Amino acid sequence: MGDKERRIHRVFVTRNTEYHVRRETCVAVRDRRSGEWLRAHMALDHRVRGSLRFHNTGGVTPNEGLPRIGDSLFFYASGRDLVTSAIVSVERPPRDVVASYKG
């Protein structure tokens, strides 16, 4: 995520989940269907290490820059890899949501 982006908070939205990221670290995860915050999600407090793009031909292309729509986030969490489903949007969280993040 080394691109020159001034915003420090981003929400990477996948089909089922929102990953709330401060700089490069996941600070909150929310289930899109229920709206509930997932307090024990594996991505919490872990750094986004990059993203992967899966191709219809079966190939995978890594991206070490800012994850984009269509990419899957890649986290290395507690000795395990976590790859999300494809990002459907990248958003800026509302101020009240940012204020609710722990730490």
N, C-alpha and C. Protein backbone atom coordinates (compact mmCIF):
# COMPACT_ATOMS: atom_id res chain seq x y z
N MET A 1 0.82 -1.18 0.00
CA MET A 1 0.00 0.00 0.00
C MET A 1 0.86 1.24 0.00
N GLY A 2 1.87 1.27 -0.83
CA GLY A 2 2.82 2.36 -0.83
C GLY A 2 2.47 3.54 -1.70
N ASP A 3 1.33 3.53 -2.38
CA ASP A 3 0.94 4.67 -3.21
C ASP A 3 0.78 5.91 -2.33
N LYS A 4 0.93 7.11 -2.93
CA LYS A 4 0.78 8.36 -2.18
C LYS A 4 -0.69 8.69 -2.01
N GLU A 5 -1.25 8.22 -0.95
CA GLU A 5 -2.66 8.44 -0.62
C GLU A 5 -2.69 9.15 0.71
N ARG A 6 -3.39 10.28 0.78
CA ARG A 6 -3.41 11.08 2.00
C ARG A 6 -4.37 10.56 3.05
N ARG A 7 -5.44 9.93 2.63
CA ARG A 7 -6.40 9.42 3.62
C ARG A 7 -5.77 8.26 4.38
N ILE A 8 -5.92 8.27 5.69
CA ILE A 8 -5.36 7.16 6.47
C ILE A 8 -6.40 6.09 6.76
N HIS A 9 -7.69 6.41 6.62
CA HIS A 9 -8.75 5.44 6.86
C HIS A 9 -9.43 5.07 5.54
N ARG A 10 -9.56 3.77 5.31
CA ARG A 10 -10.26 3.26 4.13
C ARG A 10 -11.11 2.08 4.56
N VAL A 11 -12.19 1.86 3.81
CA VAL A 11 -13.00 0.67 4.01
C VAL A 11 -12.95 -0.11 2.71
N PHE A 12 -12.42 -1.33 2.79
CA PHE A 12 -12.40 -2.22 1.65
C PHE A 12 -13.63 -3.11 1.78
N VAL A 13 -14.54 -2.98 0.85
CA VAL A 13 -15.81 -3.69 0.92
C VAL A 13 -15.77 -4.89 -0.01
N THR A 14 -16.04 -6.08 0.57
CA THR A 14 -16.18 -7.29 -0.23
C THR A 14 -17.67 -7.66 -0.23
N ARG A 15 -18.01 -8.74 -0.85
CA ARG A 15 -19.42 -9.13 -0.96
C ARG A 15 -20.10 -9.23 0.41
N ASN A 16 -19.41 -9.80 1.39
CA ASN A 16 -20.03 -10.05 2.70
C ASN A 16 -19.47 -9.22 3.85
N THR A 17 -18.32 -8.59 3.65
CA THR A 17 -17.58 -8.02 4.77
C THR A 17 -17.00 -6.66 4.42
N GLU A 18 -16.90 -5.79 5.45
CA GLU A 18 -16.18 -4.53 5.33
C GLU A 18 -14.91 -4.63 6.17
N TYR A 19 -13.78 -4.31 5.58
CA TYR A 19 -12.50 -4.29 6.29
C TYR A 19 -12.11 -2.83 6.46
N HIS A 20 -12.11 -2.35 7.70
CA HIS A 20 -11.79 -0.96 8.01
C HIS A 20 -10.30 -0.91 8.34
N VAL A 21 -9.58 -0.10 7.57
CA VAL A 21 -8.13 -0.08 7.64
C VAL A 21 -7.65 1.33 7.97
N ARG A 22 -6.78 1.43 8.98
CA ARG A 22 -6.09 2.69 9.32
C ARG A 22 -4.65 2.53 8.88
N ARG A 23 -4.24 3.40 7.96
CA ARG A 23 -2.95 3.28 7.29
C ARG A 23 -2.89 1.91 6.62
N GLU A 24 -2.22 0.94 7.19
CA GLU A 24 -2.14 -0.39 6.59
C GLU A 24 -2.68 -1.48 7.52
N THR A 25 -3.24 -1.10 8.67
CA THR A 25 -3.66 -2.08 9.67
C THR A 25 -5.18 -2.15 9.77
N CYS A 26 -5.70 -3.35 9.81
CA CYS A 26 -7.14 -3.56 9.94
C CYS A 26 -7.55 -3.26 11.38
N VAL A 27 -8.41 -2.27 11.55
CA VAL A 27 -8.82 -1.84 12.89
C VAL A 27 -10.25 -2.26 13.23
N ALA A 28 -11.02 -2.69 12.23
CA ALA A 28 -12.39 -3.13 12.47
C ALA A 28 -12.88 -3.94 11.28
N VAL A 29 -13.76 -4.90 11.57
CA VAL A 29 -14.36 -5.73 10.53
C VAL A 29 -15.86 -5.79 10.80
N ARG A 30 -16.66 -5.56 9.76
CA ARG A 30 -18.11 -5.57 9.94
C ARG A 30 -18.77 -6.49 8.92
N ASP A 31 -19.72 -7.28 9.39
CA ASP A 31 -20.53 -8.13 8.53
C ASP A 31 -21.53 -7.24 7.80
N ARG A 32 -21.56 -7.30 6.48
CA ARG A 32 -22.44 -6.41 5.72
C ARG A 32 -23.91 -6.76 5.86
N ARG A 33 -24.22 -8.03 6.04
CA ARG A 33 -25.64 -8.42 6.14
C ARG A 33 -26.26 -7.99 7.45
N SER A 34 -25.57 -8.27 8.54
CA SER A 34 -26.13 -7.97 9.87
C SER A 34 -25.77 -6.58 10.35
N GLY A 35 -24.67 -6.00 9.82
CA GLY A 35 -24.17 -4.72 10.32
C GLY A 35 -23.39 -4.85 11.61
N GLU A 36 -23.21 -6.09 12.08
CA GLU A 36 -22.50 -6.33 13.34
C GLU A 36 -20.99 -6.26 13.14
N TRP A 37 -20.33 -5.67 14.15
CA TRP A 37 -18.87 -5.65 14.17
C TRP A 37 -18.39 -7.03 14.59
N LEU A 38 -17.38 -7.55 13.90
CA LEU A 38 -16.84 -8.88 14.18
C LEU A 38 -15.60 -8.71 15.04
N ARG A 39 -15.76 -8.89 16.33
CA ARG A 39 -14.70 -8.59 17.31
C ARG A 39 -13.58 -9.63 17.35
N ALA A 40 -13.80 -10.80 16.77
CA ALA A 40 -12.79 -11.86 16.83
C ALA A 40 -12.30 -12.25 15.43
N HIS A 41 -12.45 -11.38 14.45
CA HIS A 41 -12.05 -11.71 13.08
C HIS A 41 -10.53 -11.81 12.98
N MET A 42 -10.08 -12.75 12.18
CA MET A 42 -8.65 -13.01 12.02
C MET A 42 -7.87 -11.79 11.49
N ALA A 43 -8.50 -10.92 10.72
CA ALA A 43 -7.80 -9.78 10.12
C ALA A 43 -7.52 -8.67 11.13
N LEU A 44 -8.26 -8.62 12.22
CA LEU A 44 -8.12 -7.52 13.19
C LEU A 44 -6.69 -7.38 13.70
N ASP A 45 -6.23 -6.15 13.72
CA ASP A 45 -4.89 -5.79 14.21
C ASP A 45 -3.76 -6.31 13.34
N HIS A 46 -4.08 -6.78 12.14
CA HIS A 46 -3.05 -7.25 11.22
C HIS A 46 -2.95 -6.32 10.02
N ARG A 47 -1.77 -6.31 9.46
CA ARG A 47 -1.46 -5.41 8.35
C ARG A 47 -1.88 -6.01 7.02
N VAL A 48 -2.45 -5.17 6.16
CA VAL A 48 -2.71 -5.58 4.78
C VAL A 48 -1.35 -5.69 4.10
N ARG A 49 -1.01 -6.86 3.63
CA ARG A 49 0.32 -7.09 3.03
C ARG A 49 0.32 -6.84 1.53
N GLY A 50 -0.84 -6.64 0.96
CA GLY A 50 -0.98 -6.43 -0.47
C GLY A 50 -2.31 -7.00 -0.91
N SER A 51 -2.39 -7.31 -2.19
CA SER A 51 -3.63 -7.91 -2.69
C SER A 51 -3.30 -8.85 -3.83
N LEU A 52 -4.29 -9.67 -4.16
CA LEU A 52 -4.14 -10.65 -5.23
C LEU A 52 -5.29 -10.47 -6.21
N ARG A 53 -5.01 -10.65 -7.47
CA ARG A 53 -6.05 -10.62 -8.50
C ARG A 53 -6.12 -12.02 -9.10
N PHE A 54 -7.29 -12.64 -8.98
CA PHE A 54 -7.51 -13.97 -9.53
C PHE A 54 -8.09 -13.83 -10.94
N HIS A 55 -7.54 -14.57 -11.89
CA HIS A 55 -7.96 -14.48 -13.29
C HIS A 55 -8.80 -15.69 -13.68
N ASN A 56 -9.67 -15.52 -14.64
CA ASN A 56 -10.53 -16.61 -15.11
C ASN A 56 -9.72 -17.79 -15.64
N THR A 57 -8.50 -17.53 -16.08
CA THR A 57 -7.64 -18.58 -16.62
C THR A 57 -6.99 -19.42 -15.53
N GLY A 58 -7.21 -19.02 -14.25
CA GLY A 58 -6.61 -19.75 -13.14
C GLY A 58 -5.37 -19.09 -12.58
N GLY A 59 -4.88 -18.07 -13.26
CA GLY A 59 -3.68 -17.38 -12.79
C GLY A 59 -3.99 -16.40 -11.68
N VAL A 60 -2.93 -16.01 -10.96
CA VAL A 60 -3.04 -15.05 -9.87
C VAL A 60 -1.93 -14.03 -10.05
N THR A 61 -2.29 -12.74 -9.93
CA THR A 61 -1.30 -11.68 -10.04
C THR A 61 -1.22 -10.95 -8.70
N PRO A 62 -0.03 -10.90 -8.08
CA PRO A 62 0.11 -10.14 -6.83
C PRO A 62 0.18 -8.65 -7.09
N ASN A 63 -0.27 -7.86 -6.12
CA ASN A 63 -0.20 -6.40 -6.19
C ASN A 63 0.28 -5.92 -4.83
N GLU A 64 1.46 -5.32 -4.78
CA GLU A 64 1.98 -4.81 -3.52
C GLU A 64 1.56 -3.37 -3.27
N GLY A 65 0.91 -2.75 -4.23
CA GLY A 65 0.44 -1.38 -4.08
C GLY A 65 -0.92 -1.35 -3.40
N LEU A 66 -1.58 -0.22 -3.50
CA LEU A 66 -2.90 -0.04 -2.91
C LEU A 66 -3.89 -1.02 -3.54
N PRO A 67 -4.58 -1.83 -2.72
CA PRO A 67 -5.56 -2.77 -3.27
C PRO A 67 -6.65 -2.04 -4.05
N ARG A 68 -7.08 -2.65 -5.16
CA ARG A 68 -8.06 -2.05 -6.06
C ARG A 68 -9.31 -2.92 -6.15
N ILE A 69 -10.38 -2.33 -6.66
CA ILE A 69 -11.60 -3.08 -6.91
C ILE A 69 -11.27 -4.27 -7.80
N GLY A 70 -11.77 -5.44 -7.42
CA GLY A 70 -11.49 -6.67 -8.15
C GLY A 70 -10.38 -7.48 -7.53
N ASP A 71 -9.53 -6.85 -6.71
CA ASP A 71 -8.47 -7.56 -5.99
C ASP A 71 -9.03 -8.21 -4.74
N SER A 72 -8.30 -9.18 -4.20
CA SER A 72 -8.60 -9.77 -2.90
C SER A 72 -7.52 -9.31 -1.93
N LEU A 73 -7.92 -8.80 -0.76
CA LEU A 73 -6.94 -8.38 0.25
C LEU A 73 -6.15 -9.58 0.74
N PHE A 74 -4.88 -9.34 1.06
CA PHE A 74 -4.01 -10.39 1.59
C PHE A 74 -3.49 -9.94 2.95
N PHE A 75 -3.78 -10.73 3.99
CA PHE A 75 -3.28 -10.50 5.33
C PHE A 75 -2.43 -11.70 5.73
N TYR A 76 -1.34 -11.44 6.46
CA TYR A 76 -0.58 -12.50 7.12
C TYR A 76 -0.93 -12.34 8.58
N ALA A 77 -1.76 -13.24 9.10
CA ALA A 77 -2.32 -13.06 10.44
C ALA A 77 -1.98 -14.25 11.33
N SER A 78 -1.21 -13.98 12.37
CA SER A 78 -0.91 -15.00 13.38
C SER A 78 -0.39 -16.29 12.76
N GLY A 79 0.52 -16.16 11.82
CA GLY A 79 1.12 -17.33 11.21
C GLY A 79 0.27 -17.97 10.13
N ARG A 80 -0.87 -17.36 9.80
CA ARG A 80 -1.75 -17.90 8.77
C ARG A 80 -2.03 -16.82 7.73
N ASP A 81 -2.22 -17.25 6.50
CA ASP A 81 -2.59 -16.32 5.44
C ASP A 81 -4.09 -16.17 5.40
N LEU A 82 -4.56 -14.95 5.16
CA LEU A 82 -5.98 -14.69 4.97
C LEU A 82 -6.13 -13.94 3.65
N VAL A 83 -6.92 -14.50 2.76
CA VAL A 83 -7.22 -13.87 1.48
C VAL A 83 -8.72 -13.68 1.44
N THR A 84 -9.16 -12.44 1.22
CA THR A 84 -10.59 -12.13 1.21
C THR A 84 -11.18 -12.43 -0.16
N SER A 85 -12.50 -12.32 -0.25
CA SER A 85 -13.13 -12.34 -1.56
C SER A 85 -12.80 -11.00 -2.24
N ALA A 86 -13.19 -10.86 -3.48
CA ALA A 86 -12.83 -9.67 -4.26
C ALA A 86 -13.44 -8.39 -3.69
N ILE A 87 -12.68 -7.33 -3.74
CA ILE A 87 -13.14 -6.01 -3.31
C ILE A 87 -14.16 -5.49 -4.32
N VAL A 88 -15.32 -5.06 -3.81
CA VAL A 88 -16.35 -4.49 -4.69
C VAL A 88 -16.36 -2.97 -4.66
N SER A 89 -15.81 -2.39 -3.58
CA SER A 89 -15.66 -0.93 -3.52
C SER A 89 -14.63 -0.57 -2.46
N VAL A 90 -14.06 0.61 -2.61
CA VAL A 90 -13.15 1.18 -1.61
C VAL A 90 -13.77 2.51 -1.22
N GLU A 91 -14.05 2.66 0.08
CA GLU A 91 -14.79 3.81 0.56
C GLU A 91 -14.04 4.53 1.67
N ARG A 92 -14.52 5.72 1.96
CA ARG A 92 -14.01 6.47 3.10
C ARG A 92 -15.05 6.33 4.22
N PRO A 93 -14.63 5.89 5.41
CA PRO A 93 -15.62 5.71 6.47
C PRO A 93 -16.12 7.04 7.02
N PRO A 94 -17.38 7.09 7.46
CA PRO A 94 -17.90 8.30 8.10
C PRO A 94 -17.13 8.62 9.38
N ARG A 95 -17.08 9.89 9.74
CA ARG A 95 -16.32 10.31 10.93
C ARG A 95 -16.77 9.61 12.21
N ASP A 96 -18.09 9.40 12.36
CA ASP A 96 -18.57 8.75 13.58
C ASP A 96 -18.08 7.32 13.67
N VAL A 97 -17.93 6.64 12.54
CA VAL A 97 -17.41 5.28 12.54
C VAL A 97 -15.93 5.29 12.90
N VAL A 98 -15.17 6.22 12.32
CA VAL A 98 -13.74 6.34 12.64
C VAL A 98 -13.56 6.58 14.13
N ALA A 99 -14.39 7.42 14.72
CA ALA A 99 -14.29 7.73 16.16
C ALA A 99 -14.58 6.50 17.01
N SER A 100 -15.30 5.53 16.47
CA SER A 100 -15.65 4.34 17.26
C SER A 100 -14.58 3.26 17.23
N TYR A 101 -13.58 3.39 16.35
CA TYR A 101 -12.51 2.40 16.29
C TYR A 101 -11.76 2.37 17.61
N LYS A 102 -11.37 1.18 18.03
CA LYS A 102 -10.59 1.10 19.27
C LYS A 102 -9.18 1.63 19.01
N GLY A 103 -8.53 2.08 20.05
CA GLY A 103 -7.15 2.56 19.95
C GLY A 103 -7.06 3.76 19.16
